[in-house]
Amino acid sequence: MAWWMLGCAGLGVALAWTMKDRERAFLAEARAMSTTQAPPRPLAEIASALRAAKLVTVEIDTTVALSRGDMSWRGDAAARLEVPVRLHYGVDLAAMQADAVGFSPITPGVCIVRVPAPARVATEVFLEQERAEVEVGWLRLRSRAGEYYLGLARRDAADAARALVLAPDDAAKVREVSREQIADVVRRLLGDGTIVHVRFEDAP
């Protein structure tokens, strides 16, 4: 079970690093384009370039806490575990519509980009940095009962991390950072003076 969990975590982290590499390469290409004197690119090309970027990543560091235990006439046994977790979020720019980039019909010079909402793409669990606490009753052995329930908490840590729901402030941070990154890319493609508004498809 432990090797399976580590394998899944490794795949998620590898995906996150792949996304970061794509993002760095794409931003480098956009910077190179912005230093040339070429005329602004057509909007269809901007949408195509964004789709090729695949994903924009945001990382949120948090903690998952678990408690496992048992009550008995021999005394209670309880294990509490806190594990650092890193959540990776991305915007699937490959799913953009062809007409997702356009200029505002009301405010001249304002580019509006509509993209899918950020979604979690990987969950990284740092069990090696865990903080554990075990309490056992007078007839319970820490080496048996305590460690048993601590093992259950460790086993469930990955599932608990994947089930985490972002606090409102963190959810807002993911959307804002994603919005800023996408707007920065579009400005580099259209010109640094361009005003860019990024809207997510789940917003009214």
N, C-alpha and C. Protein backbone atom coordinates (compact mmCIF):
# COMPACT_ATOMS: atom_id res chain seq x y z
N MET A 1 0.83 -1.22 0.00
CA MET A 1 0.00 0.00 0.00
C MET A 1 0.86 1.26 0.00
N ALA A 2 1.94 1.25 0.86
CA ALA A 2 2.79 2.44 0.95
C ALA A 2 3.46 2.73 -0.37
N TRP A 3 3.95 1.66 -1.06
CA TRP A 3 4.62 1.87 -2.35
C TRP A 3 3.65 2.39 -3.39
N TRP A 4 2.40 1.90 -3.33
CA TRP A 4 1.38 2.39 -4.29
C TRP A 4 1.10 3.86 -4.06
N MET A 5 0.99 4.26 -2.79
CA MET A 5 0.74 5.67 -2.48
C MET A 5 1.90 6.54 -2.94
N LEU A 6 3.15 6.06 -2.70
CA LEU A 6 4.31 6.83 -3.14
C LEU A 6 4.35 6.94 -4.65
N GLY A 7 3.96 5.87 -5.34
CA GLY A 7 3.94 5.91 -6.80
C GLY A 7 2.96 6.93 -7.32
N CYS A 8 1.76 6.97 -6.74
CA CYS A 8 0.75 7.95 -7.16
C CYS A 8 1.22 9.36 -6.89
N ALA A 9 1.83 9.56 -5.70
CA ALA A 9 2.33 10.89 -5.37
C ALA A 9 3.42 11.30 -6.35
N GLY A 10 4.29 10.32 -6.70
CA GLY A 10 5.37 10.64 -7.64
C GLY A 10 4.85 11.05 -8.99
N LEU A 11 3.80 10.39 -9.47
CA LEU A 11 3.21 10.75 -10.76
C LEU A 11 2.64 12.16 -10.72
N GLY A 12 1.98 12.50 -9.59
CA GLY A 12 1.41 13.84 -9.48
C GLY A 12 2.48 14.90 -9.47
N VAL A 13 3.55 14.66 -8.73
CA VAL A 13 4.64 15.64 -8.66
C VAL A 13 5.32 15.76 -10.02
N ALA A 14 5.52 14.63 -10.71
CA ALA A 14 6.12 14.69 -12.05
C ALA A 14 5.27 15.51 -12.99
N LEU A 15 3.94 15.36 -12.89
CA LEU A 15 3.05 16.16 -13.73
C LEU A 15 3.19 17.64 -13.42
N ALA A 16 3.29 17.95 -12.13
CA ALA A 16 3.42 19.36 -11.74
C ALA A 16 4.72 19.95 -12.28
N TRP A 17 5.83 19.19 -12.20
CA TRP A 17 7.10 19.70 -12.72
C TRP A 17 7.06 19.85 -14.24
N THR A 18 6.38 18.92 -14.91
CA THR A 18 6.23 19.03 -16.36
C THR A 18 5.50 20.30 -16.73
N MET A 19 4.43 20.61 -15.98
CA MET A 19 3.67 21.83 -16.24
C MET A 19 4.54 23.06 -16.03
N LYS A 20 5.37 23.03 -14.97
CA LYS A 20 6.24 24.17 -14.71
C LYS A 20 7.24 24.37 -15.85
N ASP A 21 7.80 23.27 -16.34
CA ASP A 21 8.75 23.38 -17.45
C ASP A 21 8.08 23.98 -18.68
N ARG A 22 6.84 23.54 -18.97
CA ARG A 22 6.12 24.10 -20.12
C ARG A 22 5.86 25.59 -19.92
N GLU A 23 5.50 25.95 -18.69
CA GLU A 23 5.20 27.35 -18.42
C GLU A 23 6.45 28.21 -18.59
N ARG A 24 7.60 27.75 -18.06
CA ARG A 24 8.84 28.52 -18.19
C ARG A 24 9.22 28.69 -19.66
N ALA A 25 9.12 27.61 -20.44
CA ALA A 25 9.47 27.68 -21.85
C ALA A 25 8.56 28.64 -22.60
N PHE A 26 7.26 28.58 -22.27
CA PHE A 26 6.31 29.44 -22.97
C PHE A 26 6.54 30.91 -22.62
N LEU A 27 6.79 31.20 -21.33
CA LEU A 27 7.04 32.59 -20.92
C LEU A 27 8.32 33.11 -21.56
N ALA A 28 9.33 32.25 -21.67
CA ALA A 28 10.58 32.68 -22.31
C ALA A 28 10.33 33.04 -23.77
N GLU A 29 9.52 32.22 -24.45
CA GLU A 29 9.19 32.51 -25.86
C GLU A 29 8.40 33.82 -25.97
N ALA A 30 7.47 34.03 -25.02
CA ALA A 30 6.67 35.26 -25.06
C ALA A 30 7.55 36.48 -24.82
N ARG A 31 8.52 36.37 -23.91
CA ARG A 31 9.43 37.50 -23.67
C ARG A 31 10.24 37.82 -24.93
N ALA A 32 10.71 36.78 -25.60
CA ALA A 32 11.48 37.00 -26.82
C ALA A 32 10.63 37.70 -27.87
N MET A 33 9.37 37.32 -27.99
CA MET A 33 8.49 37.95 -28.96
C MET A 33 8.24 39.41 -28.61
N SER A 34 8.15 39.71 -27.31
CA SER A 34 7.82 41.08 -26.90
C SER A 34 8.96 42.04 -27.15
N THR A 35 10.21 41.53 -27.31
CA THR A 35 11.34 42.41 -27.55
C THR A 35 11.53 42.74 -29.03
N THR A 36 10.79 42.08 -29.90
CA THR A 36 10.91 42.35 -31.32
C THR A 36 9.98 43.50 -31.71
N GLN A 37 10.15 43.99 -32.89
CA GLN A 37 9.34 45.11 -33.38
C GLN A 37 8.22 44.62 -34.30
N ALA A 38 7.90 43.34 -34.24
CA ALA A 38 6.86 42.79 -35.11
C ALA A 38 5.51 43.38 -34.73
N PRO A 39 4.57 43.51 -35.69
CA PRO A 39 3.24 44.02 -35.37
C PRO A 39 2.50 43.06 -34.45
N PRO A 40 1.47 43.55 -33.75
CA PRO A 40 0.70 42.69 -32.85
C PRO A 40 0.17 41.45 -33.58
N ARG A 41 0.15 40.34 -32.89
CA ARG A 41 -0.30 39.10 -33.49
C ARG A 41 -1.83 39.07 -33.56
N PRO A 42 -2.41 38.41 -34.56
CA PRO A 42 -3.87 38.27 -34.64
C PRO A 42 -4.40 37.55 -33.41
N LEU A 43 -5.64 37.87 -33.02
CA LEU A 43 -6.22 37.28 -31.82
C LEU A 43 -6.31 35.76 -31.92
N ALA A 44 -6.58 35.25 -33.13
CA ALA A 44 -6.65 33.80 -33.29
C ALA A 44 -5.31 33.15 -32.95
N GLU A 45 -4.21 33.83 -33.29
CA GLU A 45 -2.89 33.29 -32.96
C GLU A 45 -2.63 33.36 -31.47
N ILE A 46 -3.15 34.40 -30.81
CA ILE A 46 -2.99 34.51 -29.36
C ILE A 46 -3.69 33.34 -28.68
N ALA A 47 -4.93 33.05 -29.10
CA ALA A 47 -5.67 31.93 -28.53
C ALA A 47 -4.94 30.61 -28.78
N SER A 48 -4.40 30.45 -29.98
CA SER A 48 -3.67 29.23 -30.31
C SER A 48 -2.42 29.09 -29.46
N ALA A 49 -1.71 30.20 -29.25
CA ALA A 49 -0.49 30.17 -28.44
C ALA A 49 -0.81 29.83 -26.99
N LEU A 50 -1.91 30.38 -26.46
CA LEU A 50 -2.30 30.06 -25.09
C LEU A 50 -2.67 28.59 -24.94
N ARG A 51 -3.38 28.04 -25.92
CA ARG A 51 -3.75 26.62 -25.85
C ARG A 51 -2.50 25.75 -25.84
N ALA A 52 -1.47 26.16 -26.58
CA ALA A 52 -0.23 25.38 -26.63
C ALA A 52 0.51 25.41 -25.30
N ALA A 53 0.24 26.45 -24.47
CA ALA A 53 0.91 26.55 -23.18
C ALA A 53 0.43 25.50 -22.20
N LYS A 54 -0.73 24.89 -22.47
CA LYS A 54 -1.29 23.80 -21.68
C LYS A 54 -1.80 24.27 -20.32
N LEU A 55 -0.89 24.50 -19.36
CA LEU A 55 -1.33 24.77 -18.01
C LEU A 55 -0.50 25.87 -17.35
N VAL A 56 -1.13 26.58 -16.45
CA VAL A 56 -0.45 27.55 -15.60
C VAL A 56 -0.58 27.02 -14.17
N THR A 57 0.52 26.93 -13.44
CA THR A 57 0.49 26.28 -12.14
C THR A 57 0.53 27.27 -10.98
N VAL A 58 -0.14 26.90 -9.91
CA VAL A 58 -0.13 27.63 -8.65
C VAL A 58 0.03 26.61 -7.54
N GLU A 59 0.86 26.92 -6.54
CA GLU A 59 1.07 26.00 -5.43
C GLU A 59 0.51 26.59 -4.14
N ILE A 60 -0.17 25.76 -3.35
CA ILE A 60 -0.68 26.15 -2.05
C ILE A 60 -0.10 25.18 -1.02
N ASP A 61 0.60 25.71 -0.02
CA ASP A 61 1.13 24.88 1.06
C ASP A 61 0.16 24.91 2.24
N THR A 62 -0.19 23.74 2.73
CA THR A 62 -1.13 23.64 3.84
C THR A 62 -0.78 22.41 4.67
N THR A 63 -1.66 22.01 5.57
CA THR A 63 -1.43 20.87 6.45
C THR A 63 -2.70 20.04 6.55
N VAL A 64 -2.54 18.71 6.58
CA VAL A 64 -3.66 17.82 6.83
C VAL A 64 -3.48 17.21 8.21
N ALA A 65 -4.56 17.18 9.00
CA ALA A 65 -4.50 16.64 10.36
C ALA A 65 -5.46 15.45 10.47
N LEU A 66 -4.99 14.36 11.08
CA LEU A 66 -5.80 13.16 11.25
C LEU A 66 -5.68 12.65 12.68
N SER A 67 -6.76 12.04 13.15
CA SER A 67 -6.77 11.38 14.45
C SER A 67 -7.35 9.98 14.28
N ARG A 68 -6.68 9.00 14.86
CA ARG A 68 -7.17 7.63 14.86
C ARG A 68 -7.00 7.07 16.26
N GLY A 69 -7.94 6.23 16.70
CA GLY A 69 -7.82 5.68 18.04
C GLY A 69 -8.91 4.70 18.38
N ASP A 70 -8.92 4.30 19.66
CA ASP A 70 -9.86 3.30 20.13
C ASP A 70 -10.05 3.48 21.64
N MET A 71 -11.29 3.26 22.09
CA MET A 71 -11.58 3.31 23.52
C MET A 71 -11.79 1.90 24.04
N SER A 72 -11.20 1.60 25.20
CA SER A 72 -11.28 0.25 25.75
C SER A 72 -11.19 0.31 27.27
N TRP A 73 -11.69 -0.75 27.93
CA TRP A 73 -11.58 -0.83 29.39
C TRP A 73 -10.12 -0.88 29.82
N ARG A 74 -9.23 -1.26 28.90
CA ARG A 74 -7.80 -1.29 29.22
C ARG A 74 -7.15 0.09 29.12
N GLY A 75 -7.93 1.07 28.69
CA GLY A 75 -7.40 2.41 28.49
C GLY A 75 -7.50 2.80 27.02
N ASP A 76 -7.64 4.07 26.78
CA ASP A 76 -7.77 4.56 25.41
C ASP A 76 -6.42 4.56 24.69
N ALA A 77 -6.49 4.46 23.38
CA ALA A 77 -5.30 4.63 22.54
C ALA A 77 -5.64 5.64 21.46
N ALA A 78 -4.81 6.64 21.31
CA ALA A 78 -5.09 7.69 20.33
C ALA A 78 -3.80 8.13 19.65
N ALA A 79 -3.89 8.37 18.36
CA ALA A 79 -2.76 8.88 17.58
C ALA A 79 -3.23 10.09 16.79
N ARG A 80 -2.46 11.15 16.86
CA ARG A 80 -2.75 12.37 16.11
C ARG A 80 -1.56 12.67 15.19
N LEU A 81 -1.89 13.03 13.97
CA LEU A 81 -0.86 13.23 12.95
C LEU A 81 -1.13 14.50 12.17
N GLU A 82 -0.09 15.30 11.98
CA GLU A 82 -0.15 16.47 11.11
C GLU A 82 0.92 16.33 10.04
N VAL A 83 0.52 16.49 8.79
CA VAL A 83 1.45 16.29 7.67
C VAL A 83 1.39 17.50 6.73
N PRO A 84 2.54 18.09 6.39
CA PRO A 84 2.55 19.18 5.40
C PRO A 84 2.12 18.65 4.03
N VAL A 85 1.36 19.47 3.32
CA VAL A 85 0.83 19.09 2.00
C VAL A 85 1.03 20.26 1.05
N ARG A 86 1.35 19.96 -0.19
CA ARG A 86 1.43 20.99 -1.24
C ARG A 86 0.43 20.63 -2.33
N LEU A 87 -0.48 21.56 -2.60
CA LEU A 87 -1.51 21.37 -3.60
C LEU A 87 -1.13 22.14 -4.86
N HIS A 88 -1.15 21.47 -6.00
CA HIS A 88 -0.81 22.09 -7.28
C HIS A 88 -2.09 22.32 -8.08
N TYR A 89 -2.28 23.55 -8.53
CA TYR A 89 -3.45 23.91 -9.32
C TYR A 89 -3.02 24.40 -10.69
N GLY A 90 -3.86 24.14 -11.67
CA GLY A 90 -3.54 24.57 -13.03
C GLY A 90 -4.78 24.98 -13.80
N VAL A 91 -4.56 25.73 -14.86
CA VAL A 91 -5.63 26.13 -15.77
C VAL A 91 -5.40 25.40 -17.09
N ASP A 92 -6.39 24.63 -17.51
CA ASP A 92 -6.25 23.84 -18.74
C ASP A 92 -6.49 24.74 -19.95
N LEU A 93 -5.45 25.45 -20.33
CA LEU A 93 -5.57 26.38 -21.46
C LEU A 93 -5.83 25.64 -22.77
N ALA A 94 -5.50 24.34 -22.82
CA ALA A 94 -5.75 23.57 -24.04
C ALA A 94 -7.25 23.46 -24.32
N ALA A 95 -8.08 23.68 -23.29
CA ALA A 95 -9.53 23.56 -23.47
C ALA A 95 -10.18 24.90 -23.86
N MET A 96 -9.38 25.92 -24.09
CA MET A 96 -9.93 27.21 -24.49
C MET A 96 -10.68 27.12 -25.82
N GLN A 97 -11.72 27.92 -25.94
CA GLN A 97 -12.44 28.02 -27.20
C GLN A 97 -11.67 28.93 -28.18
N ALA A 98 -11.94 28.76 -29.46
CA ALA A 98 -11.23 29.55 -30.48
C ALA A 98 -11.51 31.04 -30.34
N ASP A 99 -12.71 31.39 -29.85
CA ASP A 99 -13.06 32.81 -29.71
C ASP A 99 -12.89 33.30 -28.29
N ALA A 100 -12.00 32.64 -27.52
CA ALA A 100 -11.84 32.98 -26.10
C ALA A 100 -11.08 34.29 -25.90
N VAL A 101 -10.43 34.80 -26.93
CA VAL A 101 -9.66 36.05 -26.83
C VAL A 101 -10.32 37.09 -27.74
N GLY A 102 -10.60 38.24 -27.17
CA GLY A 102 -11.21 39.32 -27.96
C GLY A 102 -11.04 40.66 -27.29
N PHE A 103 -11.41 41.71 -27.98
CA PHE A 103 -11.33 43.05 -27.41
C PHE A 103 -12.71 43.50 -26.97
N SER A 104 -12.74 44.25 -25.89
CA SER A 104 -14.01 44.73 -25.34
C SER A 104 -14.72 45.64 -26.33
N PRO A 105 -16.03 45.41 -26.56
CA PRO A 105 -16.78 46.30 -27.45
C PRO A 105 -17.15 47.62 -26.77
N ILE A 106 -16.91 47.69 -25.46
CA ILE A 106 -17.29 48.88 -24.69
C ILE A 106 -16.08 49.75 -24.39
N THR A 107 -14.98 49.10 -23.94
CA THR A 107 -13.78 49.85 -23.56
C THR A 107 -12.68 49.60 -24.57
N PRO A 108 -12.33 50.58 -25.40
CA PRO A 108 -11.29 50.38 -26.43
C PRO A 108 -9.96 49.99 -25.82
N GLY A 109 -9.27 49.07 -26.48
CA GLY A 109 -7.93 48.69 -26.06
C GLY A 109 -7.86 47.67 -24.95
N VAL A 110 -9.01 47.21 -24.46
CA VAL A 110 -9.03 46.22 -23.38
C VAL A 110 -9.25 44.83 -23.98
N CYS A 111 -8.30 43.95 -23.75
CA CYS A 111 -8.40 42.57 -24.25
C CYS A 111 -9.05 41.70 -23.18
N ILE A 112 -10.03 40.91 -23.56
CA ILE A 112 -10.73 40.03 -22.63
C ILE A 112 -10.42 38.58 -23.02
N VAL A 113 -9.96 37.81 -22.04
CA VAL A 113 -9.60 36.40 -22.25
C VAL A 113 -10.45 35.55 -21.33
N ARG A 114 -11.13 34.57 -21.88
CA ARG A 114 -11.99 33.69 -21.09
C ARG A 114 -11.37 32.29 -21.09
N VAL A 115 -11.09 31.77 -19.91
CA VAL A 115 -10.39 30.48 -19.78
C VAL A 115 -11.11 29.60 -18.77
N PRO A 116 -10.84 28.28 -18.80
CA PRO A 116 -11.40 27.38 -17.78
C PRO A 116 -10.92 27.78 -16.38
N ALA A 117 -11.72 27.46 -15.38
CA ALA A 117 -11.35 27.77 -13.99
C ALA A 117 -10.19 26.89 -13.55
N PRO A 118 -9.37 27.38 -12.61
CA PRO A 118 -8.28 26.54 -12.09
C PRO A 118 -8.82 25.28 -11.43
N ALA A 119 -8.06 24.19 -11.55
CA ALA A 119 -8.44 22.93 -10.93
C ALA A 119 -7.18 22.26 -10.38
N ARG A 120 -7.35 21.42 -9.38
CA ARG A 120 -6.19 20.74 -8.80
C ARG A 120 -5.68 19.68 -9.76
N VAL A 121 -4.36 19.66 -9.95
CA VAL A 121 -3.75 18.70 -10.87
C VAL A 121 -2.79 17.74 -10.17
N ALA A 122 -2.37 18.06 -8.94
CA ALA A 122 -1.47 17.17 -8.20
C ALA A 122 -1.54 17.51 -6.72
N THR A 123 -1.31 16.49 -5.89
CA THR A 123 -1.28 16.65 -4.44
C THR A 123 -0.02 15.99 -3.91
N GLU A 124 0.81 16.77 -3.23
CA GLU A 124 2.09 16.28 -2.73
C GLU A 124 2.01 16.19 -1.20
N VAL A 125 2.31 15.00 -0.64
CA VAL A 125 2.22 14.76 0.80
C VAL A 125 3.62 14.50 1.34
N PHE A 126 4.04 15.26 2.37
CA PHE A 126 5.39 15.15 2.92
C PHE A 126 5.36 14.38 4.24
N LEU A 127 5.21 13.06 4.15
CA LEU A 127 5.15 12.24 5.36
C LEU A 127 6.45 12.28 6.15
N GLU A 128 7.56 12.55 5.48
CA GLU A 128 8.84 12.60 6.19
C GLU A 128 8.92 13.82 7.12
N GLN A 129 7.99 14.77 6.97
CA GLN A 129 7.97 15.96 7.83
C GLN A 129 6.80 15.93 8.80
N GLU A 130 6.26 14.78 9.05
CA GLU A 130 5.08 14.66 9.90
C GLU A 130 5.37 15.07 11.35
N ARG A 131 4.30 15.48 12.03
CA ARG A 131 4.33 15.72 13.47
C ARG A 131 3.32 14.76 14.09
N ALA A 132 3.80 13.84 14.92
CA ALA A 132 2.94 12.79 15.45
C ALA A 132 2.90 12.85 16.97
N GLU A 133 1.76 12.45 17.51
CA GLU A 133 1.57 12.37 18.96
C GLU A 133 0.73 11.14 19.26
N VAL A 134 1.20 10.34 20.23
CA VAL A 134 0.52 9.10 20.59
C VAL A 134 0.25 9.09 22.08
N GLU A 135 -0.97 8.72 22.47
CA GLU A 135 -1.33 8.57 23.88
C GLU A 135 -2.00 7.21 24.06
N VAL A 136 -1.57 6.48 25.10
CA VAL A 136 -2.16 5.16 25.37
C VAL A 136 -2.52 5.06 26.84
N GLY A 137 -3.55 4.24 27.12
CA GLY A 137 -3.99 4.02 28.49
C GLY A 137 -3.03 3.14 29.27
N TRP A 138 -3.36 2.92 30.55
CA TRP A 138 -2.42 2.26 31.46
C TRP A 138 -2.17 0.79 31.13
N LEU A 139 -3.10 0.13 30.41
CA LEU A 139 -2.88 -1.26 30.03
C LEU A 139 -2.64 -1.42 28.52
N ARG A 140 -2.35 -0.34 27.87
CA ARG A 140 -2.08 -0.39 26.43
C ARG A 140 -0.60 -0.09 26.18
N LEU A 141 -0.01 -0.79 25.24
CA LEU A 141 1.39 -0.59 24.91
C LEU A 141 1.53 0.40 23.75
N ARG A 142 2.38 1.40 23.91
CA ARG A 142 2.61 2.36 22.82
C ARG A 142 3.17 1.64 21.59
N SER A 143 4.05 0.67 21.82
CA SER A 143 4.70 -0.01 20.70
C SER A 143 3.72 -0.84 19.89
N ARG A 144 2.56 -1.15 20.47
CA ARG A 144 1.56 -1.94 19.73
C ARG A 144 0.35 -1.09 19.38
N ALA A 145 -0.45 -0.72 20.39
CA ALA A 145 -1.68 0.02 20.14
C ALA A 145 -1.39 1.40 19.56
N GLY A 146 -0.44 2.12 20.18
CA GLY A 146 -0.15 3.48 19.72
C GLY A 146 0.36 3.50 18.30
N GLU A 147 1.35 2.66 18.01
CA GLU A 147 1.93 2.64 16.67
C GLU A 147 0.94 2.11 15.64
N TYR A 148 0.05 1.23 16.06
CA TYR A 148 -0.95 0.71 15.13
C TYR A 148 -1.85 1.84 14.62
N TYR A 149 -2.36 2.67 15.54
CA TYR A 149 -3.25 3.74 15.12
C TYR A 149 -2.50 4.87 14.43
N LEU A 150 -1.23 5.04 14.77
CA LEU A 150 -0.41 6.00 14.04
C LEU A 150 -0.22 5.52 12.60
N GLY A 151 -0.06 4.21 12.43
CA GLY A 151 0.05 3.65 11.09
C GLY A 151 -1.21 3.85 10.27
N LEU A 152 -2.38 3.73 10.93
CA LEU A 152 -3.63 3.98 10.22
C LEU A 152 -3.71 5.43 9.75
N ALA A 153 -3.28 6.36 10.61
CA ALA A 153 -3.31 7.77 10.24
C ALA A 153 -2.39 8.04 9.06
N ARG A 154 -1.21 7.42 9.08
CA ARG A 154 -0.28 7.59 7.95
C ARG A 154 -0.87 7.03 6.67
N ARG A 155 -1.52 5.88 6.79
CA ARG A 155 -2.12 5.25 5.61
C ARG A 155 -3.18 6.15 4.98
N ASP A 156 -3.93 6.84 5.82
CA ASP A 156 -5.05 7.66 5.33
C ASP A 156 -4.65 9.09 4.96
N ALA A 157 -3.38 9.44 5.18
CA ALA A 157 -2.96 10.84 4.97
C ALA A 157 -3.12 11.28 3.52
N ALA A 158 -2.77 10.40 2.57
CA ALA A 158 -2.85 10.79 1.15
C ALA A 158 -4.29 11.03 0.74
N ASP A 159 -5.20 10.14 1.16
CA ASP A 159 -6.61 10.32 0.81
C ASP A 159 -7.16 11.60 1.45
N ALA A 160 -6.77 11.86 2.70
CA ALA A 160 -7.23 13.08 3.37
C ALA A 160 -6.71 14.33 2.67
N ALA A 161 -5.48 14.27 2.17
CA ALA A 161 -4.91 15.41 1.45
C ALA A 161 -5.66 15.66 0.14
N ARG A 162 -5.97 14.58 -0.58
CA ARG A 162 -6.70 14.73 -1.84
C ARG A 162 -8.11 15.27 -1.62
N ALA A 163 -8.67 15.00 -0.43
CA ALA A 163 -10.03 15.44 -0.13
C ALA A 163 -10.08 16.86 0.44
N LEU A 164 -8.91 17.47 0.64
CA LEU A 164 -8.88 18.82 1.21
C LEU A 164 -9.66 19.80 0.34
N VAL A 165 -10.40 20.67 1.00
CA VAL A 165 -11.10 21.76 0.31
C VAL A 165 -10.42 23.06 0.73
N LEU A 166 -10.06 23.87 -0.25
CA LEU A 166 -9.36 25.11 0.04
C LEU A 166 -10.21 26.06 0.87
N ALA A 167 -9.56 26.74 1.80
CA ALA A 167 -10.22 27.83 2.51
C ALA A 167 -10.52 28.94 1.50
N PRO A 168 -11.55 29.75 1.77
CA PRO A 168 -11.92 30.81 0.82
C PRO A 168 -10.74 31.70 0.42
N ASP A 169 -9.89 32.07 1.37
CA ASP A 169 -8.75 32.94 1.05
C ASP A 169 -7.78 32.25 0.09
N ASP A 170 -7.51 30.95 0.34
CA ASP A 170 -6.60 30.21 -0.54
C ASP A 170 -7.21 30.01 -1.93
N ALA A 171 -8.52 29.73 -1.97
CA ALA A 171 -9.18 29.57 -3.27
C ALA A 171 -9.11 30.86 -4.07
N ALA A 172 -9.29 31.99 -3.38
CA ALA A 172 -9.19 33.29 -4.05
C ALA A 172 -7.77 33.53 -4.54
N LYS A 173 -6.78 33.09 -3.76
CA LYS A 173 -5.37 33.27 -4.15
C LYS A 173 -5.08 32.48 -5.42
N VAL A 174 -5.57 31.23 -5.50
CA VAL A 174 -5.35 30.41 -6.69
C VAL A 174 -5.90 31.11 -7.93
N ARG A 175 -7.10 31.63 -7.82
CA ARG A 175 -7.72 32.29 -8.98
C ARG A 175 -6.98 33.57 -9.34
N GLU A 176 -6.58 34.34 -8.34
CA GLU A 176 -5.92 35.62 -8.62
C GLU A 176 -4.54 35.41 -9.25
N VAL A 177 -3.76 34.46 -8.69
CA VAL A 177 -2.42 34.20 -9.26
C VAL A 177 -2.54 33.65 -10.67
N SER A 178 -3.50 32.74 -10.89
CA SER A 178 -3.71 32.21 -12.24
C SER A 178 -4.10 33.32 -13.20
N ARG A 179 -4.98 34.20 -12.75
CA ARG A 179 -5.42 35.32 -13.59
C ARG A 179 -4.24 36.22 -13.95
N GLU A 180 -3.37 36.51 -12.98
CA GLU A 180 -2.23 37.39 -13.22
C GLU A 180 -1.25 36.75 -14.20
N GLN A 181 -1.01 35.45 -14.04
CA GLN A 181 -0.05 34.77 -14.93
C GLN A 181 -0.55 34.76 -16.37
N ILE A 182 -1.83 34.46 -16.55
CA ILE A 182 -2.37 34.42 -17.91
C ILE A 182 -2.38 35.82 -18.52
N ALA A 183 -2.75 36.81 -17.74
CA ALA A 183 -2.75 38.19 -18.24
C ALA A 183 -1.34 38.62 -18.64
N ASP A 184 -0.34 38.20 -17.87
CA ASP A 184 1.05 38.56 -18.17
C ASP A 184 1.47 37.97 -19.51
N VAL A 185 1.08 36.70 -19.76
CA VAL A 185 1.43 36.07 -21.03
C VAL A 185 0.78 36.82 -22.20
N VAL A 186 -0.50 37.16 -22.06
CA VAL A 186 -1.21 37.85 -23.15
C VAL A 186 -0.58 39.22 -23.41
N ARG A 187 -0.22 39.93 -22.34
CA ARG A 187 0.42 41.25 -22.52
C ARG A 187 1.73 41.12 -23.29
N ARG A 188 2.49 40.06 -23.01
CA ARG A 188 3.76 39.87 -23.71
C ARG A 188 3.53 39.59 -25.20
N LEU A 189 2.41 38.94 -25.50
CA LEU A 189 2.12 38.62 -26.89
C LEU A 189 1.53 39.80 -27.65
N LEU A 190 0.72 40.62 -26.98
CA LEU A 190 0.06 41.74 -27.65
C LEU A 190 0.80 43.07 -27.46
N GLY A 191 1.68 43.12 -26.45
CA GLY A 191 2.37 44.37 -26.14
C GLY A 191 2.15 44.73 -24.68
N ASP A 192 3.21 45.17 -24.01
CA ASP A 192 3.13 45.41 -22.57
C ASP A 192 2.12 46.48 -22.19
N GLY A 193 1.75 47.33 -23.12
CA GLY A 193 0.78 48.38 -22.79
C GLY A 193 -0.67 47.93 -22.85
N THR A 194 -0.89 46.68 -23.24
CA THR A 194 -2.26 46.18 -23.39
C THR A 194 -2.90 45.93 -22.03
N ILE A 195 -4.13 46.37 -21.86
CA ILE A 195 -4.90 46.06 -20.64
C ILE A 195 -5.61 44.74 -20.87
N VAL A 196 -5.39 43.77 -19.97
CA VAL A 196 -5.93 42.42 -20.14
C VAL A 196 -6.82 42.07 -18.96
N HIS A 197 -8.05 41.65 -19.24
CA HIS A 197 -8.96 41.15 -18.23
C HIS A 197 -9.17 39.65 -18.46
N VAL A 198 -8.85 38.85 -17.45
CA VAL A 198 -9.01 37.40 -17.55
C VAL A 198 -10.26 36.98 -16.78
N ARG A 199 -11.15 36.27 -17.46
CA ARG A 199 -12.37 35.78 -16.85
C ARG A 199 -12.41 34.27 -16.88
N PHE A 200 -12.87 33.67 -15.79
CA PHE A 200 -12.99 32.21 -15.73
C PHE A 200 -14.39 31.79 -16.17
N GLU A 201 -14.47 30.64 -16.81
CA GLU A 201 -15.73 30.20 -17.39
C GLU A 201 -16.80 29.90 -16.35
N ASP A 202 -16.40 29.65 -15.10
CA ASP A 202 -17.40 29.38 -14.08
C ASP A 202 -17.93 30.64 -13.42
N ALA A 203 -17.40 31.81 -13.85
CA ALA A 203 -17.87 33.09 -13.29
C ALA A 203 -19.04 33.60 -14.12
N PRO A 204 -19.99 34.27 -13.49
CA PRO A 204 -21.14 34.80 -14.25
C PRO A 204 -20.71 35.90 -15.21
